Amino acid sequence: MFQRADDPRARLIGEIISDLHLYSTHSQHIGDAFAAHNQLGHADLHALLLIMEAELAGRPITPGTLREELNFSSGAVTGVIDRLEAAGHVYRDRDIADRRKIFLRYADHGAAVAREFFRPLAGRTQNVMAEFSDEDLQRVHRFLTAIVGSMREHRDDLRTRG
């Protein structure tokens, strides 16, 4: 995204987009290191992140929803879940209201492994967050929520095309 140097807003937007690209790249490298350290494949890591985020949001994910999010076949997502479960990262939990429905939950063992691995990054992140006011953080959160929504829409458009 090359913008004219004499347009401050365009320059700032370009710098933000560049920062987002770098964040994504660094995040992927860190995730790859975690996956390698725990004998997980890329798809396993992606699934684990989706399961963790759903759990944190208070809306545990089902295998079917995970399949849709990963854009995998039923057999492939079952293999991912089986590997994550065997490694102690997740477990299957039946819905109390409908015993036929299965939720994927982030296991205590998996959470402990992730906490230990990501502890140094969490400390660095907390140090950065401490430099910003609550209002600043709310503004950043609103921005990132909108960017994530835009990326999801684009991902979904790409999937419908082919």
C-alpha atoms as a PDB file:
ATOM      1  CA  MET A   1       0.000   0.000   0.000  1.00  0.00           C
ATOM      2  CA  PHE A   2       2.159   2.831  -1.221  1.00  0.00           C
ATOM      3  CA  GLN A   3       0.649   6.227  -0.579  1.00  0.00           C
ATOM      4  CA  ARG A   4       1.767   9.730  -1.382  1.00  0.00           C
ATOM      5  CA  ALA A   5       4.204  10.993   1.230  1.00  0.00           C
ATOM      6  CA  ASP A   6       2.473  14.392   1.367  1.00  0.00           C
ATOM      7  CA  ASP A   7      -0.868  12.928   2.496  1.00  0.00           C
ATOM      8  CA  PRO A   8      -0.529  12.383   6.279  1.00  0.00           C
ATOM      9  CA  ARG A   9      -3.722  10.314   6.607  1.00  0.00           C
ATOM     10  CA  ALA A  10      -2.828   8.052   3.701  1.00  0.00           C
ATOM     11  CA  ARG A  11       0.699   7.657   5.108  1.00  0.00           C
ATOM     12  CA  LEU A  12      -0.706   6.771   8.549  1.00  0.00           C
ATOM     13  CA  ILE A  13      -3.146   4.254   7.062  1.00  0.00           C
ATOM     14  CA  GLY A  14      -0.288   2.686   5.097  1.00  0.00           C
ATOM     15  CA  GLU A  15       1.810   2.427   8.253  1.00  0.00           C
ATOM     16  CA  ILE A  16      -1.076   0.809  10.153  1.00  0.00           C
ATOM     17  CA  ILE A  17      -1.615  -1.734   7.377  1.00  0.00           C
ATOM     18  CA  SER A  18       2.117  -2.470   7.351  1.00  0.00           C
ATOM     19  CA  ASP A  19       2.047  -2.944  11.133  1.00  0.00           C
ATOM     20  CA  LEU A  20      -0.901  -5.332  10.799  1.00  0.00           C
ATOM     21  CA  HIS A  21       1.019  -7.344   8.197  1.00  0.00           C
ATOM     22  CA  LEU A  22       4.053  -7.520  10.485  1.00  0.00           C
ATOM     23  CA  TYR A  23       1.878  -8.473  13.462  1.00  0.00           C
ATOM     24  CA  SER A  24       0.318 -11.261  11.413  1.00  0.00           C
ATOM     25  CA  THR A  25       3.716 -12.521  10.272  1.00  0.00           C
ATOM     26  CA  HIS A  26       5.239 -12.475  13.769  1.00  0.00           C
ATOM     27  CA  SER A  27       2.120 -14.084  15.215  1.00  0.00           C
ATOM     28  CA  GLN A  28       2.312 -16.868  12.663  1.00  0.00           C
ATOM     29  CA  HIS A  29       5.984 -17.510  13.481  1.00  0.00           C
ATOM     30  CA  ILE A  30       5.219 -17.655  17.208  1.00  0.00           C
ATOM     31  CA  GLY A  31       2.260 -19.966  16.566  1.00  0.00           C
ATOM     32  CA  ASP A  32       4.425 -22.188  14.382  1.00  0.00           C
ATOM     33  CA  ALA A  33       7.009 -22.405  17.188  1.00  0.00           C
ATOM     34  CA  PHE A  34       4.280 -23.383  19.674  1.00  0.00           C
ATOM     35  CA  ALA A  35       2.936 -25.986  17.251  1.00  0.00           C
ATOM     36  CA  ALA A  36       6.389 -27.466  16.636  1.00  0.00           C
ATOM     37  CA  HIS A  37       7.169 -27.482  20.368  1.00  0.00           C
ATOM     38  CA  ASN A  38       3.944 -29.454  20.968  1.00  0.00           C
ATOM     39  CA  GLN A  39       4.077 -31.710  17.886  1.00  0.00           C
ATOM     40  CA  LEU A  40       1.046 -30.025  16.329  1.00  0.00           C
ATOM     41  CA  GLY A  41       0.443 -29.315  12.678  1.00  0.00           C
ATOM     42  CA  HIS A  42      -0.668 -25.961  11.289  1.00  0.00           C
ATOM     43  CA  ALA A  43      -4.303 -27.105  11.055  1.00  0.00           C
ATOM     44  CA  ASP A  44      -4.147 -28.414  14.627  1.00  0.00           C
ATOM     45  CA  LEU A  45      -2.932 -25.035  15.854  1.00  0.00           C
ATOM     46  CA  HIS A  46      -5.602 -23.174  13.898  1.00  0.00           C
ATOM     47  CA  ALA A  47      -8.291 -25.452  15.341  1.00  0.00           C
ATOM     48  CA  LEU A  48      -6.895 -25.055  18.851  1.00  0.00           C
ATOM     49  CA  LEU A  49      -7.023 -21.266  18.543  1.00  0.00           C
ATOM     50  CA  LEU A  50     -10.627 -21.394  17.337  1.00  0.00           C
ATOM     51  CA  ILE A  51     -11.607 -23.710  20.203  1.00  0.00           C
ATOM     52  CA  MET A  52      -9.830 -21.477  22.727  1.00  0.00           C
ATOM     53  CA  GLU A  53     -11.408 -18.269  21.406  1.00  0.00           C
ATOM     54  CA  ALA A  54     -14.890 -19.839  21.424  1.00  0.00           C
ATOM     55  CA  GLU A  55     -14.362 -21.015  24.990  1.00  0.00           C
ATOM     56  CA  LEU A  56     -13.145 -17.572  26.097  1.00  0.00           C
ATOM     57  CA  ALA A  57     -16.193 -15.985  24.466  1.00  0.00           C
ATOM     58  CA  GLY A  58     -18.453 -18.328  26.455  1.00  0.00           C
ATOM     59  CA  ARG A  59     -19.748 -19.994  23.285  1.00  0.00           C
ATOM     60  CA  PRO A  60     -18.008 -23.363  22.987  1.00  0.00           C
ATOM     61  CA  ILE A  61     -17.610 -24.551  19.428  1.00  0.00           C
ATOM     62  CA  THR A  62     -19.076 -27.731  17.972  1.00  0.00           C
ATOM     63  CA  PRO A  63     -17.175 -30.020  15.599  1.00  0.00           C
ATOM     64  CA  GLY A  64     -19.503 -28.892  12.791  1.00  0.00           C
ATOM     65  CA  THR A  65     -18.788 -25.225  13.391  1.00  0.00           C
ATOM     66  CA  LEU A  66     -15.065 -25.972  13.614  1.00  0.00           C
ATOM     67  CA  ARG A  67     -15.321 -27.799  10.284  1.00  0.00           C
ATOM     68  CA  GLU A  68     -16.982 -24.733   8.722  1.00  0.00           C
ATOM     69  CA  GLU A  69     -14.416 -22.335  10.195  1.00  0.00           C
ATOM     70  CA  LEU A  70     -11.499 -24.448   8.978  1.00  0.00           C
ATOM     71  CA  ASN A  71     -13.236 -25.200   5.669  1.00  0.00           C
ATOM     72  CA  PHE A  72     -12.358 -28.900   6.114  1.00  0.00           C
ATOM     73  CA  SER A  73     -14.178 -32.123   5.377  1.00  0.00           C
ATOM     74  CA  SER A  74     -15.839 -33.947   8.283  1.00  0.00           C
ATOM     75  CA  GLY A  75     -13.141 -36.622   8.229  1.00  0.00           C
ATOM     76  CA  ALA A  76     -10.309 -34.090   8.268  1.00  0.00           C
ATOM     77  CA  VAL A  77     -11.750 -32.128  11.181  1.00  0.00           C
ATOM     78  CA  THR A  78     -12.332 -35.370  13.111  1.00  0.00           C
ATOM     79  CA  GLY A  79      -8.635 -36.168  12.644  1.00  0.00           C
ATOM     80  CA  VAL A  80      -7.658 -32.727  13.955  1.00  0.00           C
ATOM     81  CA  ILE A  81      -9.928 -33.085  16.995  1.00  0.00           C
ATOM     82  CA  ASP A  82      -8.628 -36.608  17.679  1.00  0.00           C
ATOM     83  CA  ARG A  83      -4.994 -35.378  17.612  1.00  0.00           C
ATOM     84  CA  LEU A  84      -5.746 -32.416  19.880  1.00  0.00           C
ATOM     85  CA  GLU A  85      -7.663 -34.637  22.281  1.00  0.00           C
ATOM     86  CA  ALA A  86      -4.909 -37.284  22.350  1.00  0.00           C
ATOM     87  CA  ALA A  87      -2.350 -34.566  23.130  1.00  0.00           C
ATOM     88  CA  GLY A  88      -4.493 -33.306  26.029  1.00  0.00           C
ATOM     89  CA  HIS A  89      -5.264 -29.907  24.514  1.00  0.00           C
ATOM     90  CA  VAL A  90      -9.036 -30.322  24.129  1.00  0.00           C
ATOM     91  CA  TYR A  91     -11.840 -32.628  25.130  1.00  0.00           C
ATOM     92  CA  ARG A  92     -15.302 -33.409  23.821  1.00  0.00           C
ATOM     93  CA  ASP A  93     -18.160 -32.412  26.113  1.00  0.00           C
ATOM     94  CA  ARG A  94     -21.807 -33.365  25.629  1.00  0.00           C
ATOM     95  CA  ASP A  95     -24.447 -30.658  25.788  1.00  0.00           C
ATOM     96  CA  ILE A  96     -26.564 -31.141  28.914  1.00  0.00           C
ATOM     97  CA  ALA A  97     -29.729 -30.021  27.102  1.00  0.00           C
ATOM     98  CA  ASP A  98     -29.148 -32.183  24.008  1.00  0.00           C
ATOM     99  CA  ARG A  99     -26.869 -35.171  24.607  1.00  0.00           C
ATOM    100  CA  ARG A 100     -26.427 -35.635  20.840  1.00  0.00           C
ATOM    101  CA  LYS A 101     -24.632 -32.291  20.620  1.00  0.00           C
ATOM    102  CA  ILE A 102     -20.882 -32.186  21.287  1.00  0.00           C
ATOM    103  CA  PHE A 103     -18.885 -29.136  22.341  1.00  0.00           C
ATOM    104  CA  LEU A 104     -15.129 -28.887  22.040  1.00  0.00           C
ATOM    105  CA  ARG A 105     -13.542 -27.540  25.210  1.00  0.00           C
ATOM    106  CA  TYR A 106     -10.077 -26.287  25.942  1.00  0.00           C
ATOM    107  CA  ALA A 107      -8.573 -28.794  28.414  1.00  0.00           C
ATOM    108  CA  ASP A 108      -6.789 -27.737  31.596  1.00  0.00           C
ATOM    109  CA  HIS A 109      -3.613 -29.496  30.434  1.00  0.00           C
ATOM    110  CA  GLY A 110      -3.695 -27.642  27.114  1.00  0.00           C
ATOM    111  CA  ALA A 111      -4.277 -24.327  28.860  1.00  0.00           C
ATOM    112  CA  ALA A 112      -1.334 -24.962  31.197  1.00  0.00           C
ATOM    113  CA  VAL A 113       0.963 -25.850  28.280  1.00  0.00           C
ATOM    114  CA  ALA A 114      -0.079 -22.690  26.415  1.00  0.00           C
ATOM    115  CA  ARG A 115       0.299 -20.478  29.509  1.00  0.00           C
ATOM    116  CA  GLU A 116       3.828 -21.732  30.081  1.00  0.00           C
ATOM    117  CA  PHE A 117       4.855 -21.252  26.444  1.00  0.00           C
ATOM    118  CA  PHE A 118       3.260 -17.825  26.035  1.00  0.00           C
ATOM    119  CA  ARG A 119       4.128 -16.405  29.496  1.00  0.00           C
ATOM    120  CA  PRO A 120       7.041 -14.277  28.185  1.00  0.00           C
ATOM    121  CA  LEU A 121       4.872 -12.870  25.393  1.00  0.00           C
ATOM    122  CA  ALA A 122       2.055 -12.172  27.869  1.00  0.00           C
ATOM    123  CA  GLY A 123       4.476 -10.160  30.001  1.00  0.00           C
ATOM    124  CA  ARG A 124       5.633  -8.147  27.003  1.00  0.00           C
ATOM    125  CA  THR A 125       2.036  -7.581  25.939  1.00  0.00           C
ATOM    126  CA  GLN A 126       1.053  -6.394  29.428  1.00  0.00           C
ATOM    127  CA  ASN A 127       3.965  -3.940  29.412  1.00  0.00           C
ATOM    128  CA  VAL A 128       2.754  -2.480  26.123  1.00  0.00           C
ATOM    129  CA  MET A 129      -0.880  -2.318  27.300  1.00  0.00           C
ATOM    130  CA  ALA A 130       0.189  -0.453  30.448  1.00  0.00           C
ATOM    131  CA  GLU A 131       1.391   2.428  28.268  1.00  0.00           C
ATOM    132  CA  PHE A 132      -2.149   3.126  27.012  1.00  0.00           C
ATOM    133  CA  SER A 133      -5.194   4.554  28.748  1.00  0.00           C
ATOM    134  CA  ASP A 134      -8.456   2.651  28.980  1.00  0.00           C
ATOM    135  CA  GLU A 135      -9.904   5.027  26.365  1.00  0.00           C
ATOM    136  CA  ASP A 136      -6.994   4.304  24.017  1.00  0.00           C
ATOM    137  CA  LEU A 137      -7.456   0.565  24.479  1.00  0.00           C
ATOM    138  CA  GLN A 138     -11.196   0.840  23.834  1.00  0.00           C
ATOM    139  CA  ARG A 139     -10.467   2.714  20.598  1.00  0.00           C
ATOM    140  CA  VAL A 140      -7.902   0.097  19.519  1.00  0.00           C
ATOM    141  CA  HIS A 141     -10.341  -2.688  20.382  1.00  0.00           C
ATOM    142  CA  ARG A 142     -13.076  -1.066  18.290  1.00  0.00           C
ATOM    143  CA  PHE A 143     -10.639  -0.725  15.377  1.00  0.00           C
ATOM    144  CA  LEU A 144      -9.406  -4.318  15.603  1.00  0.00           C
ATOM    145  CA  THR A 145     -12.941  -5.676  15.897  1.00  0.00           C
ATOM    146  CA  ALA A 146     -13.856  -3.853  12.679  1.00  0.00           C
ATOM    147  CA  ILE A 147     -10.698  -5.064  10.901  1.00  0.00           C
ATOM    148  CA  VAL A 148     -11.316  -8.668  11.981  1.00  0.00           C
ATOM    149  CA  GLY A 149     -14.913  -8.410  10.724  1.00  0.00           C
ATOM    150  CA  SER A 150     -13.682  -7.075   7.397  1.00  0.00           C
ATOM    151  CA  MET A 151     -11.149  -9.896   7.078  1.00  0.00           C
ATOM    152  CA  ARG A 152     -13.808 -12.497   7.929  1.00  0.00           C
ATOM    153  CA  GLU A 153     -16.139 -11.064   5.261  1.00  0.00           C
ATOM    154  CA  HIS A 154     -13.359 -11.199   2.685  1.00  0.00           C
ATOM    155  CA  ARG A 155     -12.455 -14.770   3.721  1.00  0.00           C
ATOM    156  CA  ASP A 156     -16.085 -15.804   3.332  1.00  0.00           C
ATOM    157  CA  ASP A 157     -16.298 -14.108  -0.088  1.00  0.00           C
ATOM    158  CA  LEU A 158     -13.197 -16.014  -1.226  1.00  0.00           C
ATOM    159  CA  ARG A 159     -14.707 -19.287  -0.059  1.00  0.00           C
ATOM    160  CA  THR A 160     -17.947 -18.720  -1.950  1.00  0.00           C
ATOM    161  CA  ARG A 161     -16.038 -17.980  -5.146  1.00  0.00           C
ATOM    162  CA  GLY A 162     -14.354 -21.213  -5.229  1.00  0.00           C
END
